[in-house]
Amino acid sequence: MLRADYHERGEKPRYLGDPVLPLEFDPYLYRLEQKERALRIMRVREQGAQAVADALSDLNL
C-alpha cells in the first residue's frame, strides 16, 4: 500500500527502468512485510489449532 500511495503522489519515472521508490525504502518495506507475514502465520496457526480442538471435542471419546 505504501508503494502504491507513493507511486500516485510521486513523480513519474523519467525513463524505463527508473526505480519508482528510492532504494532506501527497501529495507523498511521488507521488514514491514516480514512482520505482517509472521502475524498472519501466527493467526492461521492459532485458528487451525482451535479448529482441531473443536473437532476433537465433538468426538466425545
PDB file of N, CA and C in Angstrom:
ATOM      1  N   MET A   1       0.824  -1.177   0.000  1.00  0.00           N
ATOM      2  CA  MET A   1       0.000   0.000   0.000  1.00  0.00           C
ATOM      3  C   MET A   1       0.882   1.260   0.000  1.00  0.00           C
ATOM      4  N   LEU A   2       1.989   1.187   0.751  1.00  0.00           N
ATOM      5  CA  LEU A   2       2.886   2.339   0.788  1.00  0.00           C
ATOM      6  C   LEU A   2       3.458   2.602  -0.591  1.00  0.00           C
ATOM      7  N   ARG A   3       3.844   1.536  -1.276  1.00  0.00           N
ATOM      8  CA  ARG A   3       4.388   1.700  -2.625  1.00  0.00           C
ATOM      9  C   ARG A   3       3.345   2.318  -3.551  1.00  0.00           C
ATOM     10  N   ALA A   4       2.113   1.867  -3.478  1.00  0.00           N
ATOM     11  CA  ALA A   4       1.057   2.381  -4.354  1.00  0.00           C
ATOM     12  C   ALA A   4       0.786   3.860  -4.054  1.00  0.00           C
ATOM     13  N   ASP A   5       0.719   4.204  -2.783  1.00  0.00           N
ATOM     14  CA  ASP A   5       0.455   5.590  -2.412  1.00  0.00           C
ATOM     15  C   ASP A   5       1.606   6.492  -2.853  1.00  0.00           C
ATOM     16  N   TYR A   6       2.811   6.049  -2.662  1.00  0.00           N
ATOM     17  CA  TYR A   6       3.964   6.842  -3.072  1.00  0.00           C
ATOM     18  C   TYR A   6       3.978   7.011  -4.590  1.00  0.00           C
ATOM     19  N   HIS A   7       3.635   5.937  -5.284  1.00  0.00           N
ATOM     20  CA  HIS A   7       3.622   5.981  -6.747  1.00  0.00           C
ATOM     21  C   HIS A   7       2.599   6.995  -7.255  1.00  0.00           C
ATOM     22  N   GLU A   8       1.434   7.072  -6.620  1.00  0.00           N
ATOM     23  CA  GLU A   8       0.398   8.012  -7.055  1.00  0.00           C
ATOM     24  C   GLU A   8       0.801   9.461  -6.806  1.00  0.00           C
ATOM     25  N   ARG A   9       1.493   9.705  -5.704  1.00  0.00           N
ATOM     26  CA  ARG A   9       1.856  11.072  -5.336  1.00  0.00           C
ATOM     27  C   ARG A   9       3.228  11.480  -5.860  1.00  0.00           C
ATOM     28  N   GLY A  10       4.067  10.509  -6.133  1.00  0.00           N
ATOM     29  CA  GLY A  10       5.429  10.817  -6.545  1.00  0.00           C
ATOM     30  C   GLY A  10       5.531  11.145  -8.021  1.00  0.00           C
ATOM     31  N   GLU A  11       6.723  11.546  -8.401  1.00  0.00           N
ATOM     32  CA  GLU A  11       6.973  11.848  -9.801  1.00  0.00           C
ATOM     33  C   GLU A  11       6.963  10.558 -10.616  1.00  0.00           C
ATOM     34  N   LYS A  12       6.623  10.695 -11.875  1.00  0.00           N
ATOM     35  CA  LYS A  12       6.637   9.543 -12.772  1.00  0.00           C
ATOM     36  C   LYS A  12       8.083   9.218 -13.131  1.00  0.00           C
ATOM     37  N   PRO A  13       8.372   7.946 -13.428  1.00  0.00           N
ATOM     38  CA  PRO A  13       9.738   7.587 -13.817  1.00  0.00           C
ATOM     39  C   PRO A  13      10.182   8.379 -15.044  1.00  0.00           C
ATOM     40  N   ARG A  14      11.443   8.772 -15.034  1.00  0.00           N
ATOM     41  CA  ARG A  14      11.970   9.564 -16.138  1.00  0.00           C
ATOM     42  C   ARG A  14      12.303   8.700 -17.356  1.00  0.00           C
ATOM     43  N   TYR A  15      12.589   7.433 -17.110  1.00  0.00           N
ATOM     44  CA  TYR A  15      12.950   6.528 -18.200  1.00  0.00           C
ATOM     45  C   TYR A  15      12.597   5.100 -17.801  1.00  0.00           C
ATOM     46  N   LEU A  16      12.560   4.209 -18.758  1.00  0.00           N
ATOM     47  CA  LEU A  16      12.245   2.808 -18.492  1.00  0.00           C
ATOM     48  C   LEU A  16      13.325   2.220 -17.589  1.00  0.00           C
ATOM     49  N   GLY A  17      12.923   1.653 -16.485  1.00  0.00           N
ATOM     50  CA  GLY A  17      13.860   1.090 -15.534  1.00  0.00           C
ATOM     51  C   GLY A  17      14.194   2.022 -14.386  1.00  0.00           C
ATOM     52  N   ASP A  18      13.719   3.255 -14.439  1.00  0.00           N
ATOM     53  CA  ASP A  18      13.934   4.206 -13.354  1.00  0.00           C
ATOM     54  C   ASP A  18      13.148   3.705 -12.145  1.00  0.00           C
ATOM     55  N   PRO A  19      13.804   3.518 -10.995  1.00  0.00           N
ATOM     56  CA  PRO A  19      13.072   3.000  -9.835  1.00  0.00           C
ATOM     57  C   PRO A  19      12.011   3.978  -9.375  1.00  0.00           C
ATOM     58  N   VAL A  20      10.837   3.460  -9.055  1.00  0.00           N
ATOM     59  CA  VAL A  20       9.721   4.300  -8.635  1.00  0.00           C
ATOM     60  C   VAL A  20       9.961   4.809  -7.214  1.00  0.00           C
ATOM     61  N   LEU A  21      10.450   3.933  -6.341  1.00  0.00           N
ATOM     62  CA  LEU A  21      10.739   4.309  -4.965  1.00  0.00           C
ATOM     63  C   LEU A  21      12.243   4.390  -4.760  1.00  0.00           C
ATOM     64  N   PRO A  22      12.677   5.275  -3.899  1.00  0.00           N
ATOM     65  CA  PRO A  22      14.101   5.286  -3.579  1.00  0.00           C
ATOM     66  C   PRO A  22      14.514   3.951  -2.945  1.00  0.00           C
ATOM     67  N   LEU A  23      15.705   3.518  -3.222  1.00  0.00           N
ATOM     68  CA  LEU A  23      16.187   2.248  -2.694  1.00  0.00           C
ATOM     69  C   LEU A  23      16.253   2.241  -1.172  1.00  0.00           C
ATOM     70  N   GLU A  24      16.294   3.408  -0.557  1.00  0.00           N
ATOM     71  CA  GLU A  24      16.345   3.479   0.901  1.00  0.00           C
ATOM     72  C   GLU A  24      15.085   2.905   1.553  1.00  0.00           C
ATOM     73  N   PHE A  25      13.982   2.862   0.822  1.00  0.00           N
ATOM     74  CA  PHE A  25      12.741   2.315   1.365  1.00  0.00           C
ATOM     75  C   PHE A  25      12.751   0.792   1.436  1.00  0.00           C
ATOM     76  N   ASP A  26      13.549   0.134   0.636  1.00  0.00           N
ATOM     77  CA  ASP A  26      13.511  -1.322   0.532  1.00  0.00           C
ATOM     78  C   ASP A  26      13.678  -2.049   1.864  1.00  0.00           C
ATOM     79  N   PRO A  27      14.690  -1.723   2.689  1.00  0.00           N
ATOM     80  CA  PRO A  27      14.814  -2.450   3.961  1.00  0.00           C
ATOM     81  C   PRO A  27      13.610  -2.273   4.876  1.00  0.00           C
ATOM     82  N   TYR A  28      13.049  -1.073   4.899  1.00  0.00           N
ATOM     83  CA  TYR A  28      11.882  -0.822   5.755  1.00  0.00           C
ATOM     84  C   TYR A  28      10.653  -1.572   5.256  1.00  0.00           C
ATOM     85  N   LEU A  29      10.455  -1.559   3.950  1.00  0.00           N
ATOM     86  CA  LEU A  29       9.320  -2.285   3.379  1.00  0.00           C
ATOM     87  C   LEU A  29       9.479  -3.784   3.575  1.00  0.00           C
ATOM     88  N   TYR A  30      10.705  -4.282   3.469  1.00  0.00           N
ATOM     89  CA  TYR A  30      10.960  -5.708   3.673  1.00  0.00           C
ATOM     90  C   TYR A  30      10.641  -6.098   5.121  1.00  0.00           C
ATOM     91  N   ARG A  31      11.096  -5.295   6.081  1.00  0.00           N
ATOM     92  CA  ARG A  31      10.822  -5.610   7.491  1.00  0.00           C
ATOM     93  C   ARG A  31       9.332  -5.559   7.774  1.00  0.00           C
ATOM     94  N   LEU A  32       8.642  -4.582   7.210  1.00  0.00           N
ATOM     95  CA  LEU A  32       7.203  -4.473   7.388  1.00  0.00           C
ATOM     96  C   LEU A  32       6.492  -5.697   6.816  1.00  0.00           C
ATOM     97  N   GLU A  33       6.912  -6.116   5.634  1.00  0.00           N
ATOM     98  CA  GLU A  33       6.318  -7.298   5.006  1.00  0.00           C
ATOM     99  C   GLU A  33       6.560  -8.547   5.847  1.00  0.00           C
ATOM    100  N   GLN A  34       7.772  -8.699   6.381  1.00  0.00           N
ATOM    101  CA  GLN A  34       8.092  -9.870   7.202  1.00  0.00           C
ATOM    102  C   GLN A  34       7.263  -9.879   8.484  1.00  0.00           C
ATOM    103  N   LYS A  35       7.071  -8.714   9.081  1.00  0.00           N
ATOM    104  CA  LYS A  35       6.281  -8.628  10.313  1.00  0.00           C
ATOM    105  C   LYS A  35       4.827  -8.998  10.040  1.00  0.00           C
ATOM    106  N   GLU A  36       4.266  -8.479   8.954  1.00  0.00           N
ATOM    107  CA  GLU A  36       2.883  -8.808   8.599  1.00  0.00           C
ATOM    108  C   GLU A  36       2.737 -10.291   8.278  1.00  0.00           C
ATOM    109  N   ARG A  37       3.722 -10.854   7.592  1.00  0.00           N
ATOM    110  CA  ARG A  37       3.684 -12.280   7.263  1.00  0.00           C
ATOM    111  C   ARG A  37       3.732 -13.125   8.536  1.00  0.00           C
ATOM    112  N   ALA A  38       4.585 -12.758   9.498  1.00  0.00           N
ATOM    113  CA  ALA A  38       4.684 -13.500  10.751  1.00  0.00           C
ATOM    114  C   ALA A  38       3.376 -13.430  11.531  1.00  0.00           C
ATOM    115  N   LEU A  39       2.749 -12.255  11.576  1.00  0.00           N
ATOM    116  CA  LEU A  39       1.463 -12.128  12.265  1.00  0.00           C
ATOM    117  C   LEU A  39       0.381 -12.971  11.598  1.00  0.00           C
ATOM    118  N   ARG A  40       0.382 -12.988  10.264  1.00  0.00           N
ATOM    119  CA  ARG A  40      -0.610 -13.785   9.542  1.00  0.00           C
ATOM    120  C   ARG A  40      -0.396 -15.277   9.802  1.00  0.00           C
ATOM    121  N   ILE A  41       0.852 -15.717   9.805  1.00  0.00           N
ATOM    122  CA  ILE A  41       1.152 -17.132  10.058  1.00  0.00           C
ATOM    123  C   ILE A  41       0.723 -17.514  11.468  1.00  0.00           C
ATOM    124  N   MET A  42       1.005 -16.651  12.450  1.00  0.00           N
ATOM    125  CA  MET A  42       0.615 -16.928  13.832  1.00  0.00           C
ATOM    126  C   MET A  42      -0.907 -17.006  13.959  1.00  0.00           C
ATOM    127  N   ARG A  43      -1.611 -16.101  13.295  1.00  0.00           N
ATOM    128  CA  ARG A  43      -3.074 -16.100  13.355  1.00  0.00           C
ATOM    129  C   ARG A  43      -3.646 -17.375  12.727  1.00  0.00           C
ATOM    130  N   VAL A  44      -3.098 -17.791  11.601  1.00  0.00           N
ATOM    131  CA  VAL A  44      -3.565 -19.019  10.942  1.00  0.00           C
ATOM    132  C   VAL A  44      -3.279 -20.230  11.820  1.00  0.00           C
ATOM    133  N   ARG A  45      -2.107 -20.254  12.434  1.00  0.00           N
ATOM    134  CA  ARG A  45      -1.744 -21.378  13.308  1.00  0.00           C
ATOM    135  C   ARG A  45      -2.697 -21.466  14.492  1.00  0.00           C
ATOM    136  N   GLU A  46      -3.009 -20.324  15.109  1.00  0.00           N
ATOM    137  CA  GLU A  46      -3.930 -20.321  16.250  1.00  0.00           C
ATOM    138  C   GLU A  46      -5.325 -20.761  15.845  1.00  0.00           C
ATOM    139  N   GLN A  47      -5.807 -20.269  14.713  1.00  0.00           N
ATOM    140  CA  GLN A  47      -7.140 -20.648  14.244  1.00  0.00           C
ATOM    141  C   GLN A  47      -7.178 -22.125  13.868  1.00  0.00           C
ATOM    142  N   GLY A  48      -6.095 -22.637  13.295  1.00  0.00           N
ATOM    143  CA  GLY A  48      -6.040 -24.053  12.943  1.00  0.00           C
ATOM    144  C   GLY A  48      -6.051 -24.932  14.177  1.00  0.00           C
ATOM    145  N   ALA A  49      -5.281 -24.543  15.180  1.00  0.00           N
ATOM    146  CA  ALA A  49      -5.251 -25.314  16.424  1.00  0.00           C
ATOM    147  C   ALA A  49      -6.623 -25.296  17.094  1.00  0.00           C
ATOM    148  N   GLN A  50      -7.285 -24.161  17.066  1.00  0.00           N
ATOM    149  CA  GLN A  50      -8.622 -24.066  17.658  1.00  0.00           C
ATOM    150  C   GLN A  50      -9.620 -24.927  16.884  1.00  0.00           C
ATOM    151  N   ALA A  51      -9.514 -24.962  15.574  1.00  0.00           N
ATOM    152  CA  ALA A  51     -10.421 -25.787  14.758  1.00  0.00           C
ATOM    153  C   ALA A  51     -10.219 -27.268  15.060  1.00  0.00           C
ATOM    154  N   VAL A  52      -8.971 -27.686  15.209  1.00  0.00           N
ATOM    155  CA  VAL A  52      -8.693 -29.089  15.541  1.00  0.00           C
ATOM    156  C   VAL A  52      -9.228 -29.410  16.936  1.00  0.00           C
ATOM    157  N   ALA A  53      -9.007 -28.519  17.889  1.00  0.00           N
ATOM    158  CA  ALA A  53      -9.507 -28.743  19.253  1.00  0.00           C
ATOM    159  C   ALA A  53     -11.033 -28.839  19.262  1.00  0.00           C
ATOM    160  N   ASP A  54     -11.701 -27.987  18.498  1.00  0.00           N
ATOM    161  CA  ASP A  54     -13.164 -28.046  18.414  1.00  0.00           C
ATOM    162  C   ASP A  54     -13.637 -29.354  17.790  1.00  0.00           C
ATOM    163  N   ALA A  55     -12.946 -29.779  16.743  1.00  0.00           N
ATOM    164  CA  ALA A  55     -13.323 -31.033  16.069  1.00  0.00           C
ATOM    165  C   ALA A  55     -13.121 -32.221  16.999  1.00  0.00           C
ATOM    166  N   LEU A  56     -12.034 -32.226  17.764  1.00  0.00           N
ATOM    167  CA  LEU A  56     -11.773 -33.352  18.686  1.00  0.00           C
ATOM    168  C   LEU A  56     -12.739 -33.342  19.857  1.00  0.00           C
ATOM    169  N   SER A  57     -13.159 -32.179  20.296  1.00  0.00           N
ATOM    170  CA  SER A  57     -14.107 -32.123  21.411  1.00  0.00           C
ATOM    171  C   SER A  57     -15.476 -32.656  21.017  1.00  0.00           C
ATOM    172  N   ASP A  58     -15.794 -32.606  19.726  1.00  0.00           N
ATOM    173  CA  ASP A  58     -17.077 -33.121  19.239  1.00  0.00           C
ATOM    174  C   ASP A  58     -17.101 -34.633  19.128  1.00  0.00           C
ATOM    175  N   LEU A  59     -15.960 -35.294  19.228  1.00  0.00           N
ATOM    176  CA  LEU A  59     -15.894 -36.746  19.067  1.00  0.00           C
ATOM    177  C   LEU A  59     -16.412 -37.480  20.312  1.00  0.00           C
ATOM    178  N   ASN A  60     -16.381 -36.870  21.470  1.00  0.00           N
ATOM    179  CA  ASN A  60     -16.843 -37.485  22.728  1.00  0.00           C
ATOM    180  C   ASN A  60     -16.197 -38.838  22.962  1.00  0.00           C
ATOM    181  N   LEU A  61     -14.876 -38.853  22.998  1.00  0.00           N
ATOM    182  CA  LEU A  61     -14.162 -40.113  23.235  1.00  0.00           C
ATOM    183  C   LEU A  61     -14.253 -40.498  24.640  1.00  0.00           C
TER     184      LEU A  61
END
